[in-house]
Amino acid sequence: AAWSRRGSRLQRFISNQDADIVFLTEVTRRWEQRLPDLDPRYPHVRAMPLPNAFGFALLSKFEVSEYQVHYLNADRLPVLEATIETPTTPLEVIGVHLYSPISKRMVTKRNQQLRELEKLFTPTTNPRLLLGDLNITAYSGYYQRFLEESGLSDSLPSWKLTPTWPSWYPMFRIQIDHCLGSNKLQGLERKAGSRFGSDHLPLFCDYGFVK
């Protein structure tokens, strides 16, 4: 989550991973101003800062040829959709931060958001990647339904869960941050980074294209 005030540690994590694509959540106006300084290797930046926890930013080494923002339900929760021109093939990326299930009402809203998110996954010939804080664990029936309806998977064994929240309490960490790929992508590695001030650990995912 990008609300961390320790921007230098986030910058070091991004630089050390040398990822092709970075997706940040909880991006505010203050954070938007710092995005160009995070790493010069990411010249292609698309950001939608918001005063609440649902702003986001996409940083890419490769050209972003298409970009749009969708909105889920009456709360107008923003969802990023972009096409990135990798050297191999266009990659469709969807980024989102769903509501936290802190009450019965919010659980209902989160589940509605998952159902509406499914509608964005129309048939495509390109590989597709979903990134973000879904605020749901892999054990949830709603999550399993979402995988089935969207055609996505984490393509890693179920025992290779990567707990990311809460960052300050290792014993009770759960995985609510996810990177999910279509059948044109093969998951190679997934790991969490070290704590740097956010309530989430950063999540790193390595994917390969399937021929």
Foldseek 3Di string as FASTA:
>chain_A
DPPFPQLVVVLVVCVVVVDQKDKFWQAAPVNVVCVCVSDVLFPDKDWDHDPGGQTMMMTGNFDWPDWDWAAADPVGRIKIWTWGQDVVHIEIEIEGAAFAPPDPVSVVRLLSRLVVVLVVLDDDPHKYKYWYQSNDAPPDPSNVVSCVSNQKDLQDPPVPFEFWAQLVDVVPGGDRTDMIIHPQKHWDDKYFDHDDGDRTTDIDTDIDGHD
